[in-house]
Amino acid sequence: MSTRTTAEARAKRRRRIRGRVVGTTERPRVSVFRSNKAIYAQVIDDATGTTLAAARSAEVDTAGLDKTGVAKKVGALLAERARAHKIETVVFDRSGYLYHGRVKALAEGAREGGLVF
């Protein structure tokens, strides 16, 4: 019986998700990366391989917020920057993370900011 590390399990989930989730010019992909201290998100057009908008936790005011609150603000900032590039609809790529906690908060913040997915 082989045991898989947490990182290996996430990598496998990530590959499986990326097989289905593809960003187009009309509907780019929102990719999330979560570390222990920070959270990052970017809007990617997979057809051209370019990043159209990005946001990270170091760019928002984190005073008095927990990591989930910071993630929600990052999602709102990402939505603001995406809408500045005339992007309204996207596909959400959770990058192998569970749709829970900070990843979910980032998605909710992006939705509240005006992105549709």
N, C-alpha and C. Protein backbone atom coordinates (compact mmCIF):
# COMPACT_ATOMS: atom_id res chain seq x y z
N MET A 1 0.85 -1.18 0.00
CA MET A 1 0.00 0.00 0.00
C MET A 1 0.89 1.24 0.00
N SER A 2 0.70 2.11 -0.96
CA SER A 2 1.50 3.32 -1.03
C SER A 2 0.74 4.47 -0.38
N THR A 3 1.46 5.26 0.36
CA THR A 3 0.85 6.43 0.97
C THR A 3 1.26 7.66 0.19
N ARG A 4 0.34 8.57 0.06
CA ARG A 4 0.56 9.77 -0.71
C ARG A 4 0.65 10.95 0.27
N THR A 5 1.64 11.80 0.05
CA THR A 5 1.75 12.97 0.91
C THR A 5 0.65 13.96 0.55
N THR A 6 0.45 14.94 1.40
CA THR A 6 -0.55 15.96 1.16
C THR A 6 -0.27 16.71 -0.14
N ALA A 7 0.98 17.02 -0.37
CA ALA A 7 1.36 17.74 -1.59
C ALA A 7 1.10 16.89 -2.83
N GLU A 8 1.39 15.60 -2.74
CA GLU A 8 1.15 14.71 -3.88
C GLU A 8 -0.35 14.57 -4.16
N ALA A 9 -1.14 14.49 -3.11
CA ALA A 9 -2.59 14.38 -3.28
C ALA A 9 -3.15 15.65 -3.92
N ARG A 10 -2.66 16.81 -3.49
CA ARG A 10 -3.11 18.07 -4.07
C ARG A 10 -2.69 18.16 -5.54
N ALA A 11 -1.48 17.73 -5.85
CA ALA A 11 -1.00 17.76 -7.24
C ALA A 11 -1.88 16.88 -8.12
N LYS A 12 -2.29 15.74 -7.62
CA LYS A 12 -3.15 14.85 -8.40
C LYS A 12 -4.53 15.50 -8.62
N ARG A 13 -5.09 16.09 -7.57
CA ARG A 13 -6.38 16.79 -7.70
C ARG A 13 -6.25 17.95 -8.67
N ARG A 14 -5.12 18.67 -8.61
CA ARG A 14 -4.90 19.82 -9.47
C ARG A 14 -4.86 19.41 -10.95
N ARG A 15 -4.16 18.33 -11.24
CA ARG A 15 -4.10 17.83 -12.62
C ARG A 15 -5.49 17.41 -13.11
N ARG A 16 -6.25 16.78 -12.25
CA ARG A 16 -7.59 16.33 -12.61
C ARG A 16 -8.50 17.54 -12.90
N ILE A 17 -8.41 18.55 -12.06
CA ILE A 17 -9.22 19.76 -12.25
C ILE A 17 -8.83 20.48 -13.54
N ARG A 18 -7.52 20.61 -13.77
CA ARG A 18 -7.05 21.33 -14.96
C ARG A 18 -7.41 20.62 -16.25
N GLY A 19 -7.72 19.34 -16.18
CA GLY A 19 -8.19 18.63 -17.35
C GLY A 19 -9.56 19.09 -17.79
N ARG A 20 -10.33 19.63 -16.85
CA ARG A 20 -11.69 20.07 -17.15
C ARG A 20 -11.83 21.57 -17.23
N VAL A 21 -11.05 22.32 -16.44
CA VAL A 21 -11.21 23.77 -16.35
C VAL A 21 -10.20 24.44 -17.26
N VAL A 22 -10.70 25.13 -18.27
CA VAL A 22 -9.84 25.83 -19.23
C VAL A 22 -10.35 27.25 -19.38
N GLY A 23 -9.44 28.22 -19.29
CA GLY A 23 -9.81 29.62 -19.47
C GLY A 23 -9.71 30.01 -20.93
N THR A 24 -10.72 30.70 -21.43
CA THR A 24 -10.72 31.18 -22.80
C THR A 24 -10.62 32.70 -22.79
N THR A 25 -10.53 33.29 -23.96
CA THR A 25 -10.47 34.75 -24.04
C THR A 25 -11.77 35.36 -23.54
N GLU A 26 -12.90 34.73 -23.85
CA GLU A 26 -14.20 35.25 -23.41
C GLU A 26 -14.45 34.97 -21.93
N ARG A 27 -13.91 33.85 -21.44
CA ARG A 27 -14.15 33.44 -20.06
C ARG A 27 -12.85 32.91 -19.46
N PRO A 28 -11.99 33.82 -18.97
CA PRO A 28 -10.70 33.39 -18.44
C PRO A 28 -10.82 32.63 -17.12
N ARG A 29 -9.72 32.04 -16.70
CA ARG A 29 -9.67 31.20 -15.51
C ARG A 29 -9.11 31.98 -14.33
N VAL A 30 -9.74 31.84 -13.17
CA VAL A 30 -9.22 32.42 -11.93
C VAL A 30 -8.48 31.31 -11.19
N SER A 31 -7.16 31.45 -11.08
CA SER A 31 -6.33 30.46 -10.42
C SER A 31 -5.96 30.95 -9.02
N VAL A 32 -6.03 30.05 -8.05
CA VAL A 32 -5.77 30.40 -6.65
C VAL A 32 -4.54 29.65 -6.16
N PHE A 33 -3.67 30.36 -5.42
CA PHE A 33 -2.59 29.69 -4.70
C PHE A 33 -2.66 30.14 -3.25
N ARG A 34 -2.57 29.17 -2.36
CA ARG A 34 -2.71 29.44 -0.93
C ARG A 34 -1.48 28.88 -0.22
N SER A 35 -0.81 29.75 0.53
CA SER A 35 0.28 29.28 1.38
C SER A 35 -0.18 29.42 2.83
N ASN A 36 0.67 29.09 3.77
CA ASN A 36 0.28 29.21 5.17
C ASN A 36 0.05 30.66 5.57
N LYS A 37 0.80 31.58 4.98
CA LYS A 37 0.72 32.99 5.37
C LYS A 37 -0.07 33.85 4.41
N ALA A 38 -0.08 33.50 3.13
CA ALA A 38 -0.64 34.40 2.13
C ALA A 38 -1.56 33.66 1.18
N ILE A 39 -2.30 34.44 0.37
CA ILE A 39 -3.14 33.87 -0.68
C ILE A 39 -2.99 34.74 -1.92
N TYR A 40 -2.93 34.10 -3.06
CA TYR A 40 -2.72 34.79 -4.33
C TYR A 40 -3.79 34.32 -5.31
N ALA A 41 -4.20 35.20 -6.23
CA ALA A 41 -5.15 34.81 -7.27
C ALA A 41 -4.82 35.58 -8.53
N GLN A 42 -5.03 34.91 -9.66
CA GLN A 42 -4.82 35.60 -10.93
C GLN A 42 -5.84 35.15 -11.95
N VAL A 43 -6.16 36.05 -12.87
CA VAL A 43 -7.07 35.78 -13.97
C VAL A 43 -6.20 35.48 -15.18
N ILE A 44 -6.36 34.27 -15.75
CA ILE A 44 -5.47 33.79 -16.80
C ILE A 44 -6.27 33.46 -18.06
N ASP A 45 -5.77 33.93 -19.20
CA ASP A 45 -6.31 33.54 -20.49
C ASP A 45 -5.43 32.40 -21.01
N ASP A 46 -5.94 31.18 -20.96
CA ASP A 46 -5.15 30.02 -21.35
C ASP A 46 -4.91 29.95 -22.86
N ALA A 47 -5.75 30.61 -23.64
CA ALA A 47 -5.57 30.60 -25.10
C ALA A 47 -4.27 31.30 -25.49
N THR A 48 -3.95 32.41 -24.81
CA THR A 48 -2.72 33.14 -25.11
C THR A 48 -1.65 32.93 -24.05
N GLY A 49 -2.01 32.31 -22.92
CA GLY A 49 -1.05 32.07 -21.86
C GLY A 49 -0.64 33.32 -21.11
N THR A 50 -1.56 34.28 -20.99
CA THR A 50 -1.24 35.54 -20.33
C THR A 50 -2.07 35.73 -19.07
N THR A 51 -1.48 36.44 -18.11
CA THR A 51 -2.18 36.82 -16.90
C THR A 51 -2.80 38.19 -17.14
N LEU A 52 -4.12 38.28 -16.97
CA LEU A 52 -4.84 39.51 -17.25
C LEU A 52 -4.98 40.40 -16.02
N ALA A 53 -5.10 39.79 -14.85
CA ALA A 53 -5.22 40.53 -13.60
C ALA A 53 -4.74 39.63 -12.47
N ALA A 54 -4.23 40.25 -11.41
CA ALA A 54 -3.75 39.46 -10.27
C ALA A 54 -3.94 40.25 -8.99
N ALA A 55 -4.02 39.53 -7.88
CA ALA A 55 -4.12 40.16 -6.56
C ALA A 55 -3.49 39.22 -5.55
N ARG A 56 -2.95 39.80 -4.48
CA ARG A 56 -2.34 38.99 -3.42
C ARG A 56 -2.59 39.63 -2.08
N SER A 57 -2.43 38.87 -1.04
CA SER A 57 -2.77 39.33 0.30
C SER A 57 -1.86 40.45 0.78
N ALA A 58 -0.65 40.56 0.24
CA ALA A 58 0.26 41.64 0.64
C ALA A 58 -0.24 43.00 0.17
N GLU A 59 -1.20 43.02 -0.77
CA GLU A 59 -1.69 44.28 -1.33
C GLU A 59 -2.93 44.82 -0.62
N VAL A 60 -3.49 44.07 0.31
CA VAL A 60 -4.70 44.53 1.01
C VAL A 60 -4.37 44.87 2.46
N ASP A 61 -5.22 45.69 3.06
CA ASP A 61 -5.04 46.07 4.45
C ASP A 61 -5.52 44.90 5.32
N THR A 62 -4.62 44.32 6.08
CA THR A 62 -4.94 43.12 6.86
C THR A 62 -5.18 43.42 8.34
N ALA A 63 -5.21 44.68 8.71
CA ALA A 63 -5.35 45.04 10.12
C ALA A 63 -6.67 44.52 10.69
N GLY A 64 -6.56 43.73 11.75
CA GLY A 64 -7.73 43.24 12.46
C GLY A 64 -8.48 42.13 11.75
N LEU A 65 -7.92 41.54 10.70
CA LEU A 65 -8.60 40.49 9.97
C LEU A 65 -7.89 39.15 10.16
N ASP A 66 -8.68 38.08 10.15
CA ASP A 66 -8.08 36.76 10.12
C ASP A 66 -7.77 36.40 8.66
N LYS A 67 -7.17 35.25 8.43
CA LYS A 67 -6.76 34.88 7.08
C LYS A 67 -7.94 34.74 6.12
N THR A 68 -9.09 34.31 6.64
CA THR A 68 -10.28 34.19 5.81
C THR A 68 -10.79 35.55 5.37
N GLY A 69 -10.76 36.51 6.28
CA GLY A 69 -11.16 37.88 5.94
C GLY A 69 -10.24 38.50 4.91
N VAL A 70 -8.96 38.23 5.05
CA VAL A 70 -7.98 38.74 4.08
C VAL A 70 -8.26 38.13 2.70
N ALA A 71 -8.56 36.83 2.66
CA ALA A 71 -8.85 36.16 1.39
C ALA A 71 -10.06 36.78 0.70
N LYS A 72 -11.06 37.15 1.48
CA LYS A 72 -12.25 37.77 0.91
C LYS A 72 -11.90 39.12 0.29
N LYS A 73 -11.04 39.89 0.96
CA LYS A 73 -10.60 41.17 0.41
C LYS A 73 -9.77 40.99 -0.86
N VAL A 74 -8.96 39.95 -0.90
CA VAL A 74 -8.16 39.66 -2.10
C VAL A 74 -9.09 39.34 -3.27
N GLY A 75 -10.15 38.58 -3.00
CA GLY A 75 -11.13 38.27 -4.05
C GLY A 75 -11.81 39.52 -4.58
N ALA A 76 -12.15 40.43 -3.68
CA ALA A 76 -12.79 41.69 -4.11
C ALA A 76 -11.81 42.53 -4.94
N LEU A 77 -10.54 42.57 -4.52
CA LEU A 77 -9.52 43.32 -5.26
C LEU A 77 -9.31 42.71 -6.64
N LEU A 78 -9.28 41.40 -6.72
CA LEU A 78 -9.13 40.73 -8.00
C LEU A 78 -10.30 41.06 -8.93
N ALA A 79 -11.51 41.04 -8.38
CA ALA A 79 -12.70 41.36 -9.18
C ALA A 79 -12.63 42.79 -9.70
N GLU A 80 -12.19 43.70 -8.86
CA GLU A 80 -12.06 45.10 -9.27
C GLU A 80 -11.08 45.24 -10.43
N ARG A 81 -9.95 44.57 -10.33
CA ARG A 81 -8.92 44.64 -11.38
C ARG A 81 -9.38 43.93 -12.66
N ALA A 82 -10.11 42.83 -12.51
CA ALA A 82 -10.61 42.12 -13.69
C ALA A 82 -11.65 42.96 -14.41
N ARG A 83 -12.53 43.60 -13.66
CA ARG A 83 -13.56 44.44 -14.27
C ARG A 83 -12.96 45.64 -14.96
N ALA A 84 -11.82 46.11 -14.50
CA ALA A 84 -11.12 47.21 -15.17
C ALA A 84 -10.64 46.78 -16.55
N HIS A 85 -10.42 45.46 -16.73
CA HIS A 85 -10.03 44.91 -18.03
C HIS A 85 -11.24 44.39 -18.80
N LYS A 86 -12.44 44.78 -18.38
CA LYS A 86 -13.70 44.39 -19.03
C LYS A 86 -13.97 42.88 -18.95
N ILE A 87 -13.54 42.26 -17.86
CA ILE A 87 -13.78 40.83 -17.65
C ILE A 87 -14.89 40.69 -16.62
N GLU A 88 -15.97 40.01 -17.00
CA GLU A 88 -17.10 39.86 -16.10
C GLU A 88 -17.37 38.39 -15.73
N THR A 89 -17.16 37.48 -16.69
CA THR A 89 -17.41 36.07 -16.42
C THR A 89 -16.09 35.29 -16.47
N VAL A 90 -15.92 34.39 -15.52
CA VAL A 90 -14.69 33.62 -15.40
C VAL A 90 -15.03 32.18 -15.02
N VAL A 91 -14.03 31.30 -15.07
CA VAL A 91 -14.15 29.96 -14.50
C VAL A 91 -13.21 29.90 -13.30
N PHE A 92 -13.61 29.22 -12.26
CA PHE A 92 -12.84 29.19 -11.02
C PHE A 92 -12.02 27.92 -10.94
N ASP A 93 -10.70 28.08 -10.79
CA ASP A 93 -9.78 26.96 -10.65
C ASP A 93 -9.24 26.97 -9.22
N ARG A 94 -9.68 26.02 -8.42
CA ARG A 94 -9.28 26.00 -7.01
C ARG A 94 -7.91 25.36 -6.80
N SER A 95 -7.26 24.93 -7.86
CA SER A 95 -5.89 24.41 -7.85
C SER A 95 -5.67 23.24 -6.90
N GLY A 96 -6.65 22.39 -6.78
CA GLY A 96 -6.50 21.21 -5.94
C GLY A 96 -6.84 21.42 -4.48
N TYR A 97 -7.11 22.67 -4.09
CA TYR A 97 -7.50 22.93 -2.71
C TYR A 97 -8.99 22.62 -2.55
N LEU A 98 -9.40 22.26 -1.35
CA LEU A 98 -10.81 22.06 -1.09
C LEU A 98 -11.54 23.41 -1.16
N TYR A 99 -12.75 23.40 -1.67
CA TYR A 99 -13.55 24.63 -1.74
C TYR A 99 -14.12 24.87 -0.35
N HIS A 100 -13.27 25.45 0.50
CA HIS A 100 -13.59 25.58 1.92
C HIS A 100 -12.67 26.64 2.50
N GLY A 101 -13.08 27.33 3.51
CA GLY A 101 -12.21 28.28 4.19
C GLY A 101 -11.76 29.43 3.33
N ARG A 102 -10.44 29.61 3.21
CA ARG A 102 -9.89 30.76 2.50
C ARG A 102 -10.18 30.75 1.01
N VAL A 103 -10.19 29.56 0.40
CA VAL A 103 -10.47 29.47 -1.04
C VAL A 103 -11.92 29.88 -1.30
N LYS A 104 -12.83 29.41 -0.46
CA LYS A 104 -14.24 29.78 -0.59
C LYS A 104 -14.43 31.27 -0.33
N ALA A 105 -13.74 31.82 0.66
CA ALA A 105 -13.85 33.25 0.97
C ALA A 105 -13.36 34.10 -0.19
N LEU A 106 -12.27 33.69 -0.83
CA LEU A 106 -11.77 34.42 -1.99
C LEU A 106 -12.81 34.40 -3.11
N ALA A 107 -13.43 33.26 -3.35
CA ALA A 107 -14.45 33.14 -4.39
C ALA A 107 -15.65 34.03 -4.07
N GLU A 108 -16.07 34.04 -2.82
CA GLU A 108 -17.21 34.88 -2.43
C GLU A 108 -16.88 36.36 -2.58
N GLY A 109 -15.65 36.74 -2.22
CA GLY A 109 -15.24 38.13 -2.39
C GLY A 109 -15.22 38.54 -3.85
N ALA A 110 -14.79 37.64 -4.73
CA ALA A 110 -14.77 37.92 -6.16
C ALA A 110 -16.20 38.05 -6.69
N ARG A 111 -17.09 37.20 -6.22
CA ARG A 111 -18.49 37.28 -6.65
C ARG A 111 -19.11 38.60 -6.19
N GLU A 112 -18.85 38.98 -4.95
CA GLU A 112 -19.38 40.24 -4.44
C GLU A 112 -18.82 41.43 -5.19
N GLY A 113 -17.57 41.27 -5.71
CA GLY A 113 -16.95 42.32 -6.49
C GLY A 113 -17.47 42.41 -7.90
N GLY A 114 -18.30 41.45 -8.33
CA GLY A 114 -18.92 41.54 -9.64
C GLY A 114 -18.53 40.47 -10.64
N LEU A 115 -17.64 39.54 -10.28
CA LEU A 115 -17.31 38.47 -11.21
C LEU A 115 -18.40 37.39 -11.17
N VAL A 116 -18.68 36.82 -12.32
CA VAL A 116 -19.71 35.79 -12.41
C VAL A 116 -19.04 34.46 -12.73
N PHE A 117 -19.25 33.46 -11.84
CA PHE A 117 -18.78 32.10 -12.09
C PHE A 117 -19.57 31.14 -11.26
